[in-house]
PDB file of N, CA and C in Angstrom:
ATOM      1  N   UNK A   1       9.612  18.494   8.713  1.00  0.00           N
ATOM      2  CA  UNK A   1       8.586  17.512   9.041  1.00  0.00           C
ATOM      3  C   UNK A   1       8.606  17.858  10.432  1.00  0.00           C
ATOM      4  N   UNK A   2       9.757  17.378  11.121  1.00  0.00           N
ATOM      5  CA  UNK A   2       9.950  17.412  12.781  1.00  0.00           C
ATOM      6  C   UNK A   2      10.012  18.157  13.089  1.00  0.00           C
ATOM      7  N   UNK A   3       9.239  19.175  13.195  1.00  0.00           N
ATOM      8  CA  UNK A   3       8.539  20.749  13.454  1.00  0.00           C
ATOM      9  C   UNK A   3       6.887  21.047  13.542  1.00  0.00           C
ATOM     10  N   UNK A   4       6.223  19.490  12.671  1.00  0.00           N
ATOM     11  CA  UNK A   4       4.735  19.193  12.510  1.00  0.00           C
ATOM     12  C   UNK A   4       4.307  18.538  14.051  1.00  0.00           C
ATOM     13  N   UNK A   5       3.416  18.869  14.403  1.00  0.00           N
ATOM     14  CA  UNK A   5       2.555  18.206  15.782  1.00  0.00           C
ATOM     15  C   UNK A   5       2.008  16.976  15.272  1.00  0.00           C
ATOM     16  N   UNK A   6       2.815  15.901  14.592  1.00  0.00           N
ATOM     17  CA  UNK A   6       2.103  14.889  13.883  1.00  0.00           C
ATOM     18  C   UNK A   6       3.324  13.638  14.507  1.00  0.00           C
ATOM     19  N   UNK A   7       3.133  12.390  15.038  1.00  0.00           N
ATOM     20  CA  UNK A   7       3.697  11.086  15.090  1.00  0.00           C
ATOM     21  C   UNK A   7       3.712  10.216  14.157  1.00  0.00           C
ATOM     22  N   UNK A   8       3.603  10.461  13.449  1.00  0.00           N
ATOM     23  CA  UNK A   8       3.330   9.481  12.588  1.00  0.00           C
ATOM     24  C   UNK A   8       3.121  10.279  10.782  1.00  0.00           C
ATOM     25  N   UNK A   9       3.345   8.981  10.144  1.00  0.00           N
ATOM     26  CA  UNK A   9       2.884   9.209   8.689  1.00  0.00           C
ATOM     27  C   UNK A   9       2.203   7.799   8.063  1.00  0.00           C
ATOM     28  N   UNK A  10       1.310   8.698   6.963  1.00  0.00           N
ATOM     29  CA  UNK A  10       0.625   7.156   6.406  1.00  0.00           C
ATOM     30  C   UNK A  10       1.665   7.313   5.007  1.00  0.00           C
ATOM     31  N   UNK A  11       2.765   6.551   4.854  1.00  0.00           N
ATOM     32  CA  UNK A  11       3.413   6.494   3.376  1.00  0.00           C
ATOM     33  C   UNK A  11       2.648   5.771   2.707  1.00  0.00           C
ATOM     34  N   UNK A  12       2.292   6.281   1.255  1.00  0.00           N
ATOM     35  CA  UNK A  12       1.979   5.832  -0.254  1.00  0.00           C
ATOM     36  C   UNK A  12       3.612   5.158  -0.792  1.00  0.00           C
ATOM     37  N   UNK A  13       3.260   3.926  -0.931  1.00  0.00           N
ATOM     38  CA  UNK A  13       4.221   2.825  -1.281  1.00  0.00           C
ATOM     39  C   UNK A  13       4.510   3.418  -3.191  1.00  0.00           C
ATOM     40  N   UNK A  14       5.498   3.270  -3.363  1.00  0.00           N
ATOM     41  CA  UNK A  14       5.648   3.176  -4.574  1.00  0.00           C
ATOM     42  C   UNK A  14       6.958   1.871  -5.204  1.00  0.00           C
ATOM     43  N   UNK A  15       6.815   1.018  -6.196  1.00  0.00           N
ATOM     44  CA  UNK A  15       7.461  -0.302  -6.318  1.00  0.00           C
ATOM     45  C   UNK A  15       8.652  -1.071  -7.328  1.00  0.00           C
ATOM     46  N   UNK A  16       8.728  -2.053  -7.921  1.00  0.00           N
ATOM     47  CA  UNK A  16      10.012  -1.785  -8.639  1.00  0.00           C
ATOM     48  C   UNK A  16       8.690  -1.904 -10.564  1.00  0.00           C
ATOM     49  N   UNK A  17       7.115  -2.134  -9.842  1.00  0.00           N
ATOM     50  CA  UNK A  17       6.584  -2.136 -11.135  1.00  0.00           C
ATOM     51  C   UNK A  17       5.706  -1.193 -11.273  1.00  0.00           C
ATOM     52  N   UNK A  18       5.891   0.219 -10.426  1.00  0.00           N
ATOM     53  CA  UNK A  18       4.960   1.252 -10.590  1.00  0.00           C
ATOM     54  C   UNK A  18       6.380   2.558  -9.623  1.00  0.00           C
ATOM     55  N   UNK A  19       7.128   2.882 -10.355  1.00  0.00           N
ATOM     56  CA  UNK A  19       8.464   3.266  -9.260  1.00  0.00           C
ATOM     57  C   UNK A  19       7.817   4.624  -9.339  1.00  0.00           C
ATOM     58  N   UNK A  20       7.519   4.824  -9.914  1.00  0.00           N
ATOM     59  CA  UNK A  20       7.013   6.795 -10.259  1.00  0.00           C
ATOM     60  C   UNK A  20       5.493   7.220  -9.733  1.00  0.00           C
ATOM     61  N   UNK A  21       4.425   6.349  -9.757  1.00  0.00           N
ATOM     62  CA  UNK A  21       3.359   6.149  -8.750  1.00  0.00           C
ATOM     63  C   UNK A  21       3.315   5.198  -8.045  1.00  0.00           C
ATOM     64  N   UNK A  22       2.912   5.596  -6.447  1.00  0.00           N
ATOM     65  CA  UNK A  22       2.729   5.768  -5.321  1.00  0.00           C
ATOM     66  C   UNK A  22       1.514   4.457  -5.210  1.00  0.00           C
ATOM     67  N   UNK A  23       1.661   3.059  -5.544  1.00  0.00           N
ATOM     68  CA  UNK A  23       0.175   2.140  -5.627  1.00  0.00           C
ATOM     69  C   UNK A  23       0.151   1.185  -4.398  1.00  0.00           C
ATOM     70  N   UNK A  24      -0.691   0.449  -3.614  1.00  0.00           N
ATOM     71  CA  UNK A  24      -0.814  -0.636  -3.545  1.00  0.00           C
ATOM     72  C   UNK A  24      -2.351  -0.803  -3.242  1.00  0.00           C
ATOM     73  N   UNK A  25      -2.381  -1.110  -4.698  1.00  0.00           N
ATOM     74  CA  UNK A  25      -3.965  -1.418  -5.337  1.00  0.00           C
ATOM     75  C   UNK A  25      -4.872  -2.933  -4.542  1.00  0.00           C
ATOM     76  N   UNK A  26      -5.615  -3.481  -3.471  1.00  0.00           N
ATOM     77  CA  UNK A  26      -5.146  -4.908  -2.963  1.00  0.00           C
ATOM     78  C   UNK A  26      -6.173  -5.560  -3.665  1.00  0.00           C
ATOM     79  N   UNK A  27      -7.397  -4.889  -4.081  1.00  0.00           N
ATOM     80  CA  UNK A  27      -8.159  -5.184  -4.416  1.00  0.00           C
ATOM     81  C   UNK A  27      -7.983  -6.021  -6.307  1.00  0.00           C
ATOM     82  N   UNK A  28      -7.172  -6.253  -6.738  1.00  0.00           N
ATOM     83  CA  UNK A  28      -6.615  -6.279  -8.231  1.00  0.00           C
ATOM     84  C   UNK A  28      -6.346  -8.274  -8.212  1.00  0.00           C
ATOM     85  N   UNK A  29      -7.024  -8.226  -9.692  1.00  0.00           N
ATOM     86  CA  UNK A  29      -6.259  -9.939  -9.586  1.00  0.00           C
ATOM     87  C   UNK A  29      -4.861 -10.379 -10.033  1.00  0.00           C
ATOM     88  N   UNK A  30      -4.089  -9.838 -10.058  1.00  0.00           N
ATOM     89  CA  UNK A  30      -2.813 -10.062 -10.246  1.00  0.00           C
ATOM     90  C   UNK A  30      -1.911  -9.350  -9.064  1.00  0.00           C
ATOM     91  N   UNK A  31      -1.319 -10.367  -7.922  1.00  0.00           N
ATOM     92  CA  UNK A  31      -1.298 -10.253  -6.901  1.00  0.00           C
ATOM     93  C   UNK A  31       0.595  -9.253  -6.637  1.00  0.00           C
ATOM     94  N   UNK A  32       0.513  -8.399  -5.383  1.00  0.00           N
ATOM     95  CA  UNK A  32       2.444  -7.822  -5.434  1.00  0.00           C
ATOM     96  C   UNK A  32       2.832  -8.900  -4.918  1.00  0.00           C
ATOM     97  N   UNK A  33       4.392  -8.578  -5.051  1.00  0.00           N
ATOM     98  CA  UNK A  33       4.988  -9.861  -4.863  1.00  0.00           C
ATOM     99  C   UNK A  33       5.771  -8.667  -4.161  1.00  0.00           C
ATOM    100  N   UNK A  34       7.108  -9.086  -3.082  1.00  0.00           N
ATOM    101  CA  UNK A  34       7.287  -8.924  -1.683  1.00  0.00           C
ATOM    102  C   UNK A  34       8.399  -8.102  -2.885  1.00  0.00           C
ATOM    103  N   UNK A  35       9.246  -8.653  -3.255  1.00  0.00           N
ATOM    104  CA  UNK A  35      10.537  -8.483  -4.446  1.00  0.00           C
ATOM    105  C   UNK A  35       9.955  -7.391  -5.000  1.00  0.00           C
ATOM    106  N   UNK A  36       9.032  -6.869  -5.239  1.00  0.00           N
ATOM    107  CA  UNK A  36       9.032  -5.356  -6.033  1.00  0.00           C
ATOM    108  C   UNK A  36       9.008  -4.108  -4.882  1.00  0.00           C
ATOM    109  N   UNK A  37       8.705  -5.107  -3.753  1.00  0.00           N
ATOM    110  CA  UNK A  37       9.042  -3.587  -2.469  1.00  0.00           C
ATOM    111  C   UNK A  37      10.342  -4.067  -1.678  1.00  0.00           C
ATOM    112  N   UNK A  38      10.584  -3.939  -2.638  1.00  0.00           N
ATOM    113  CA  UNK A  38      12.172  -4.103  -1.863  1.00  0.00           C
ATOM    114  C   UNK A  38      13.093  -2.715  -1.206  1.00  0.00           C
ATOM    115  N   UNK A  39      13.160  -2.307  -2.990  1.00  0.00           N
ATOM    116  CA  UNK A  39      13.958  -0.652  -2.776  1.00  0.00           C
ATOM    117  C   UNK A  39      12.690   0.229  -1.753  1.00  0.00           C
ATOM    118  N   UNK A  40      11.374   0.185  -1.125  1.00  0.00           N
ATOM    119  CA  UNK A  40      10.441   0.240  -0.702  1.00  0.00           C
ATOM    120  C   UNK A  40      11.276   0.520   1.045  1.00  0.00           C
ATOM    121  N   UNK A  41      11.008  -1.076   1.296  1.00  0.00           N
ATOM    122  CA  UNK A  41      11.706  -1.586   2.763  1.00  0.00           C
ATOM    123  C   UNK A  41      13.092  -1.110   3.087  1.00  0.00           C
ATOM    124  N   UNK A  42      13.891  -1.069   1.608  1.00  0.00           N
ATOM    125  CA  UNK A  42      15.449  -0.461   2.170  1.00  0.00           C
ATOM    126  C   UNK A  42      15.346   0.608   2.409  1.00  0.00           C
ATOM    127  N   UNK A  43      14.311   1.785   1.995  1.00  0.00           N
ATOM    128  CA  UNK A  43      14.049   2.905   1.884  1.00  0.00           C
ATOM    129  C   UNK A  43      14.119   3.307   3.250  1.00  0.00           C
ATOM    130  N   UNK A  44      12.904   2.534   4.172  1.00  0.00           N
ATOM    131  CA  UNK A  44      11.878   2.919   5.080  1.00  0.00           C
ATOM    132  C   UNK A  44      13.458   2.388   5.547  1.00  0.00           C
ATOM    133  N   UNK A  45      14.488   1.758   6.006  1.00  0.00           N
ATOM    134  CA  UNK A  45      15.401   0.832   6.514  1.00  0.00           C
ATOM    135  C   UNK A  45      16.265   2.290   7.266  1.00  0.00           C
ATOM    136  N   UNK A  46      16.509   2.785   6.113  1.00  0.00           N
ATOM    137  CA  UNK A  46      17.666   3.648   5.852  1.00  0.00           C
ATOM    138  C   UNK A  46      16.767   5.308   6.444  1.00  0.00           C
ATOM    139  N   UNK A  47      15.985   5.549   6.831  1.00  0.00           N
ATOM    140  CA  UNK A  47      15.800   6.379   6.888  1.00  0.00           C
ATOM    141  C   UNK A  47      15.190   6.484   8.494  1.00  0.00           C
ATOM    142  N   UNK A  48      15.529   7.735   9.162  1.00  0.00           N
ATOM    143  CA  UNK A  48      16.330   8.145  10.579  1.00  0.00           C
ATOM    144  C   UNK A  48      14.343   9.018  11.042  1.00  0.00           C
ATOM    145  N   UNK A  49      13.137   8.588  11.562  1.00  0.00           N
ATOM    146  CA  UNK A  49      12.630   9.148  11.325  1.00  0.00           C
ATOM    147  C   UNK A  49      11.989   9.917  12.359  1.00  0.00           C
ATOM    148  N   UNK A  50      12.997  10.330  13.238  1.00  0.00           N
ATOM    149  CA  UNK A  50      13.200  11.187  14.572  1.00  0.00           C
ATOM    150  C   UNK A  50      11.875  10.541  15.449  1.00  0.00           C
ATOM    151  N   UNK A  51      10.938  11.573  15.400  1.00  0.00           N
ATOM    152  CA  UNK A  51       9.639  11.687  16.107  1.00  0.00           C
ATOM    153  C   UNK A  51       8.900  11.114  15.821  1.00  0.00           C
ATOM    154  N   UNK A  52       8.844  10.873  14.508  1.00  0.00           N
ATOM    155  CA  UNK A  52       7.497   9.662  14.002  1.00  0.00           C
ATOM    156  C   UNK A  52       7.272   8.687  14.194  1.00  0.00           C
ATOM    157  N   UNK A  53       7.337   8.087  15.411  1.00  0.00           N
ATOM    158  CA  UNK A  53       7.148   6.636  15.520  1.00  0.00           C
ATOM    159  C   UNK A  53       6.265   5.944  15.018  1.00  0.00           C
ATOM    160  N   UNK A  54       4.785   5.971  14.462  1.00  0.00           N
ATOM    161  CA  UNK A  54       3.704   5.609  14.336  1.00  0.00           C
ATOM    162  C   UNK A  54       3.762   5.793  13.010  1.00  0.00           C
ATOM    163  N   UNK A  55       4.391   5.066  12.369  1.00  0.00           N
ATOM    164  CA  UNK A  55       4.235   4.836  10.883  1.00  0.00           C
ATOM    165  C   UNK A  55       3.488   3.893  10.205  1.00  0.00           C
ATOM    166  N   UNK A  56       2.826   4.355   8.973  1.00  0.00           N
ATOM    167  CA  UNK A  56       1.891   3.119   8.680  1.00  0.00           C
ATOM    168  C   UNK A  56       1.857   3.020   6.905  1.00  0.00           C
ATOM    169  N   UNK A  57       1.647   2.189   6.292  1.00  0.00           N
ATOM    170  CA  UNK A  57       1.689   2.096   4.851  1.00  0.00           C
ATOM    171  C   UNK A  57       0.698   1.830   3.940  1.00  0.00           C
ATOM    172  N   UNK A  58       0.257   2.779   3.052  1.00  0.00           N
ATOM    173  CA  UNK A  58      -0.843   3.062   2.435  1.00  0.00           C
ATOM    174  C   UNK A  58      -1.769   1.970   1.519  1.00  0.00           C
ATOM    175  N   UNK A  59      -2.472   1.504   1.592  1.00  0.00           N
ATOM    176  CA  UNK A  59      -3.785   0.897   0.896  1.00  0.00           C
ATOM    177  C   UNK A  59      -4.618   0.972   0.023  1.00  0.00           C
ATOM    178  N   UNK A  60      -4.906   0.910  -1.270  1.00  0.00           N
ATOM    179  CA  UNK A  60      -5.416   1.570  -1.710  1.00  0.00           C
ATOM    180  C   UNK A  60      -7.333   0.105  -2.023  1.00  0.00           C
ATOM    181  N   UNK A  61      -8.168   0.575  -1.622  1.00  0.00           N
ATOM    182  CA  UNK A  61      -9.153  -0.525  -2.302  1.00  0.00           C
ATOM    183  C   UNK A  61      -9.556  -0.352  -3.832  1.00  0.00           C
ATOM    184  N   UNK A  62      -8.980   0.463  -4.178  1.00  0.00           N
ATOM    185  CA  UNK A  62      -9.659   0.631  -5.589  1.00  0.00           C
ATOM    186  C   UNK A  62      -8.488   0.920  -6.842  1.00  0.00           C
ATOM    187  N   UNK A  63      -8.215   0.695  -8.077  1.00  0.00           N
ATOM    188  CA  UNK A  63      -9.487   0.691  -8.831  1.00  0.00           C
ATOM    189  C   UNK A  63      -9.688  -1.069  -8.444  1.00  0.00           C
ATOM    190  N   UNK A  64     -11.097  -1.420  -8.389  1.00  0.00           N
ATOM    191  CA  UNK A  64     -11.627  -2.786  -7.763  1.00  0.00           C
ATOM    192  C   UNK A  64     -11.203  -3.780  -9.401  1.00  0.00           C
ATOM    193  N   UNK A  65     -10.553  -4.383  -9.629  1.00  0.00           N
ATOM    194  CA  UNK A  65     -10.283  -5.683 -10.356  1.00  0.00           C
ATOM    195  C   UNK A  65     -11.026  -7.254 -10.344  1.00  0.00           C
ATOM    196  N   UNK A  66     -11.410  -6.860  -9.423  1.00  0.00           N
ATOM    197  CA  UNK A  66     -12.260  -8.305  -8.754  1.00  0.00           C
ATOM    198  C   UNK A  66     -13.782  -8.050  -8.699  1.00  0.00           C
ATOM    199  N   UNK A  67     -14.282  -9.080  -8.940  1.00  0.00           N
ATOM    200  CA  UNK A  67     -15.708  -8.786  -8.187  1.00  0.00           C
ATOM    201  C   UNK A  67     -15.882  -9.568  -7.026  1.00  0.00           C
ATOM    202  N   UNK A  68     -16.810 -10.167  -5.997  1.00  0.00           N
ATOM    203  CA  UNK A  68     -16.819 -10.936  -4.807  1.00  0.00           C
ATOM    204  C   UNK A  68     -17.198 -12.818  -5.218  1.00  0.00           C
ATOM    205  N   UNK A  69     -16.839 -13.678  -6.582  1.00  0.00           N
ATOM    206  CA  UNK A  69     -17.209 -14.594  -6.934  1.00  0.00           C
ATOM    207  C   UNK A  69     -15.605 -15.060  -7.459  1.00  0.00           C
ATOM    208  N   UNK A  70     -15.166 -14.358  -7.708  1.00  0.00           N
ATOM    209  CA  UNK A  70     -13.676 -15.013  -8.063  1.00  0.00           C
ATOM    210  C   UNK A  70     -12.773 -14.909  -6.685  1.00  0.00           C
ATOM    211  N   UNK A  71     -11.718 -15.347  -7.049  1.00  0.00           N
ATOM    212  CA  UNK A  71     -10.830 -16.586  -6.572  1.00  0.00           C
ATOM    213  C   UNK A  71      -9.939 -14.634  -5.862  1.00  0.00           C
ATOM    214  N   UNK A  72      -9.767 -14.823  -4.561  1.00  0.00           N
ATOM    215  CA  UNK A  72      -9.341 -14.101  -3.647  1.00  0.00           C
ATOM    216  C   UNK A  72      -8.244 -14.557  -3.544  1.00  0.00           C
ATOM    217  N   UNK A  73      -7.118 -15.393  -3.857  1.00  0.00           N
ATOM    218  CA  UNK A  73      -5.611 -15.439  -3.585  1.00  0.00           C
ATOM    219  C   UNK A  73      -5.096 -14.692  -3.570  1.00  0.00           C
ATOM    220  N   UNK A  74      -5.004 -13.544  -5.069  1.00  0.00           N
ATOM    221  CA  UNK A  74      -4.286 -12.889  -5.462  1.00  0.00           C
ATOM    222  C   UNK A  74      -4.513 -11.541  -4.289  1.00  0.00           C
ATOM    223  N   UNK A  75      -5.793 -11.470  -3.228  1.00  0.00           N
ATOM    224  CA  UNK A  75      -5.639 -10.531  -2.695  1.00  0.00           C
ATOM    225  C   UNK A  75      -5.140 -10.929  -1.437  1.00  0.00           C
ATOM    226  N   UNK A  76      -5.457 -12.088  -1.158  1.00  0.00           N
ATOM    227  CA  UNK A  76      -4.666 -12.613   0.337  1.00  0.00           C
ATOM    228  C   UNK A  76      -2.903 -12.226   0.052  1.00  0.00           C
ATOM    229  N   UNK A  77      -2.586 -12.978  -1.175  1.00  0.00           N
ATOM    230  CA  UNK A  77      -0.958 -12.838  -1.494  1.00  0.00           C
ATOM    231  C   UNK A  77      -0.628 -11.096  -1.214  1.00  0.00           C
ATOM    232  N   UNK A  78      -1.432 -10.501  -1.964  1.00  0.00           N
ATOM    233  CA  UNK A  78      -1.500  -8.566  -2.108  1.00  0.00           C
ATOM    234  C   UNK A  78      -1.461  -8.246  -0.540  1.00  0.00           C
ATOM    235  N   UNK A  79      -2.664  -8.576   0.489  1.00  0.00           N
ATOM    236  CA  UNK A  79      -2.138  -8.755   2.075  1.00  0.00           C
ATOM    237  C   UNK A  79      -1.419  -8.653   2.483  1.00  0.00           C
ATOM    238  N   UNK A  80      -0.567 -10.276   1.893  1.00  0.00           N
ATOM    239  CA  UNK A  80       0.933 -10.436   3.286  1.00  0.00           C
ATOM    240  C   UNK A  80       1.817  -9.884   2.599  1.00  0.00           C
ATOM    241  N   UNK A  81       1.661  -9.339   1.170  1.00  0.00           N
ATOM    242  CA  UNK A  81       3.209  -8.360   0.560  1.00  0.00           C
ATOM    243  C   UNK A  81       3.154  -7.319   1.157  1.00  0.00           C
ATOM    244  N   UNK A  82       2.088  -6.687   1.651  1.00  0.00           N
ATOM    245  CA  UNK A  82       1.590  -5.479   2.382  1.00  0.00           C
ATOM    246  C   UNK A  82       2.092  -5.625   3.757  1.00  0.00           C
ATOM    247  N   UNK A  83       2.063  -6.351   4.136  1.00  0.00           N
ATOM    248  CA  UNK A  83       2.791  -6.893   5.854  1.00  0.00           C
ATOM    249  C   UNK A  83       3.829  -7.002   5.576  1.00  0.00           C
ATOM    250  N   UNK A  84       4.357  -7.748   5.260  1.00  0.00           N
ATOM    251  CA  UNK A  84       5.760  -8.416   5.503  1.00  0.00           C
ATOM    252  C   UNK A  84       6.896  -7.181   4.596  1.00  0.00           C
ATOM    253  N   UNK A  85       5.928  -6.074   3.840  1.00  0.00           N
ATOM    254  CA  UNK A  85       7.272  -4.669   3.785  1.00  0.00           C
ATOM    255  C   UNK A  85       6.551  -3.647   4.606  1.00  0.00           C
ATOM    256  N   UNK A  86       5.242  -3.577   5.555  1.00  0.00           N
ATOM    257  CA  UNK A  86       5.825  -2.543   7.009  1.00  0.00           C
ATOM    258  C   UNK A  86       6.531  -3.007   7.871  1.00  0.00           C
ATOM    259  N   UNK A  87       6.370  -4.458   7.647  1.00  0.00           N
ATOM    260  CA  UNK A  87       7.141  -5.131   8.957  1.00  0.00           C
ATOM    261  C   UNK A  87       8.645  -5.235   8.827  1.00  0.00           C
ATOM    262  N   UNK A  88       8.492  -4.532   7.653  1.00  0.00           N
ATOM    263  CA  UNK A  88      10.478  -4.717   7.648  1.00  0.00           C
ATOM    264  C   UNK A  88      10.945  -3.904   6.908  1.00  0.00           C
ATOM    265  N   UNK A  89      10.023  -3.102   6.893  1.00  0.00           N
ATOM    266  CA  UNK A  89      10.606  -1.332   7.024  1.00  0.00           C
ATOM    267  C   UNK A  89      10.173  -0.427   8.459  1.00  0.00           C
ATOM    268  N   UNK A  90       9.810  -1.833   8.688  1.00  0.00           N
ATOM    269  CA  UNK A  90      10.084  -0.732  10.766  1.00  0.00           C
ATOM    270  C   UNK A  90       8.402  -0.109  10.687  1.00  0.00           C
ATOM    271  N   UNK A  91       6.993  -0.232  10.304  1.00  0.00           N
ATOM    272  CA  UNK A  91       6.381   0.669  10.370  1.00  0.00           C
ATOM    273  C   UNK A  91       5.189  -0.053  11.249  1.00  0.00           C
ATOM    274  N   UNK A  92       4.163   0.972  11.657  1.00  0.00           N
ATOM    275  CA  UNK A  92       4.032   0.174  12.653  1.00  0.00           C
ATOM    276  C   UNK A  92       2.424  -0.589  12.046  1.00  0.00           C
ATOM    277  N   UNK A  93       1.953  -0.144  10.577  1.00  0.00           N
ATOM    278  CA  UNK A  93       1.147  -1.470  10.263  1.00  0.00           C
ATOM    279  C   UNK A  93       0.611  -0.655   8.843  1.00  0.00           C
ATOM    280  N   UNK A  94      -0.310  -1.001   8.955  1.00  0.00           N
ATOM    281  CA  UNK A  94      -1.297  -0.751   7.433  1.00  0.00           C
ATOM    282  C   UNK A  94      -2.480   0.533   7.523  1.00  0.00           C
ATOM    283  N   UNK A  95      -2.501   1.455   6.814  1.00  0.00           N
ATOM    284  CA  UNK A  95      -3.567   2.491   6.415  1.00  0.00           C
ATOM    285  C   UNK A  95      -4.340   2.270   5.163  1.00  0.00           C
ATOM    286  N   UNK A  96      -5.877   1.622   5.522  1.00  0.00           N
ATOM    287  CA  UNK A  96      -6.337   0.874   4.200  1.00  0.00           C
ATOM    288  C   UNK A  96      -7.469   1.612   4.247  1.00  0.00           C
ATOM    289  N   UNK A  97      -7.425   2.175   3.081  1.00  0.00           N
ATOM    290  CA  UNK A  97      -8.401   3.611   2.429  1.00  0.00           C
ATOM    291  C   UNK A  97      -9.879   2.624   1.758  1.00  0.00           C
ATOM    292  N   UNK A  98     -10.640   2.215   1.771  1.00  0.00           N
ATOM    293  CA  UNK A  98     -11.399   1.522   1.468  1.00  0.00           C
ATOM    294  C   UNK A  98     -12.544   2.287   0.426  1.00  0.00           C
ATOM    295  N   UNK A  99     -12.479   3.583   0.485  1.00  0.00           N
ATOM    296  CA  UNK A  99     -13.147   4.332  -0.244  1.00  0.00           C
ATOM    297  C   UNK A  99     -13.397   4.013  -2.042  1.00  0.00           C
ATOM    298  N   UNK A 100     -14.204   4.216  -2.365  1.00  0.00           N
ATOM    299  CA  UNK A 100     -14.180   3.466  -3.645  1.00  0.00           C
ATOM    300  C   UNK A 100     -14.383   4.484  -4.603  1.00  0.00           C
ATOM    301  N   UNK A 101     -12.907   5.155  -5.222  1.00  0.00           N
ATOM    302  CA  UNK A 101     -13.068   6.345  -5.784  1.00  0.00           C
ATOM    303  C   UNK A 101     -13.099   6.057  -7.780  1.00  0.00           C
ATOM    304  N   UNK A 102     -13.267   5.280  -8.147  1.00  0.00           N
ATOM    305  CA  UNK A 102     -13.400   4.797  -9.447  1.00  0.00           C
ATOM    306  C   UNK A 102     -14.950   3.753 -10.270  1.00  0.00           C
ATOM    307  N   UNK A 103     -15.237   3.885 -11.779  1.00  0.00           N
ATOM    308  CA  UNK A 103     -16.632   3.344 -11.687  1.00  0.00           C
ATOM    309  C   UNK A 103     -17.300   4.001 -11.613  1.00  0.00           C
ATOM    310  N   UNK A 104     -18.948   3.299 -11.644  1.00  0.00           N
ATOM    311  CA  UNK A 104     -20.095   4.415 -12.547  1.00  0.00           C
ATOM    312  C   UNK A 104     -20.356   5.858 -11.711  1.00  0.00           C
ATOM    313  N   UNK A 105     -20.197   6.765 -12.435  1.00  0.00           N
ATOM    314  CA  UNK A 105     -20.351   8.172 -12.234  1.00  0.00           C
ATOM    315  C   UNK A 105     -18.903   8.741 -11.586  1.00  0.00           C
ATOM    316  N   UNK A 106     -18.116   8.406 -11.603  1.00  0.00           N
ATOM    317  CA  UNK A 106     -17.296   8.508 -11.468  1.00  0.00           C
ATOM    318  C   UNK A 106     -15.952   8.768 -12.489  1.00  0.00           C
ATOM    319  N   UNK A 107     -16.363   8.238 -13.880  1.00  0.00           N
ATOM    320  CA  UNK A 107     -15.358   8.029 -14.547  1.00  0.00           C
ATOM    321  C   UNK A 107     -14.333   7.564 -15.229  1.00  0.00           C
ATOM    322  N   UNK A 108     -14.674   6.287 -13.910  1.00  0.00           N
ATOM    323  CA  UNK A 108     -14.105   4.922 -14.382  1.00  0.00           C
ATOM    324  C   UNK A 108     -15.126   3.013 -14.745  1.00  0.00           C
ATOM    325  N   UNK A 109     -13.940   2.487 -14.362  1.00  0.00           N
ATOM    326  CA  UNK A 109     -15.193   1.097 -14.671  1.00  0.00           C
ATOM    327  C   UNK A 109     -14.867   0.194 -13.799  1.00  0.00           C
ATOM    328  N   UNK A 110     -15.492  -0.927 -13.425  1.00  0.00           N
ATOM    329  CA  UNK A 110     -15.239  -2.132 -12.798  1.00  0.00           C
ATOM    330  C   UNK A 110     -15.458  -2.935 -13.428  1.00  0.00           C
ATOM    331  N   UNK A 111     -15.156  -3.809 -13.426  1.00  0.00           N
ATOM    332  CA  UNK A 111     -15.058  -5.511 -13.538  1.00  0.00           C
ATOM    333  C   UNK A 111     -16.820  -6.012 -13.472  1.00  0.00           C
TER     334      UNK A 111
END
């Protein structure tokens, strides 16, 4: 990979909750916890990225499990978890994908 003409990566995270499926869906009613991402953080800290100096943790907007009138405390906690994992893992920041992939017309549902 070091031969590719890139300075960094966008890394989709896996967690203790979803070890086989990368996810960090921000707009859900259950907050993510830093404890669930300890293995990810340890893996990032142990990785020598060589020339990949600008790496980001990937976050998704969907699936939407809330609406605009719900309590946003879980969402704020999930953002804090994501920023903590990125910082402790030595990443530059977060890469947020705001597109809506599920819901009406796409085969999924929204609350």
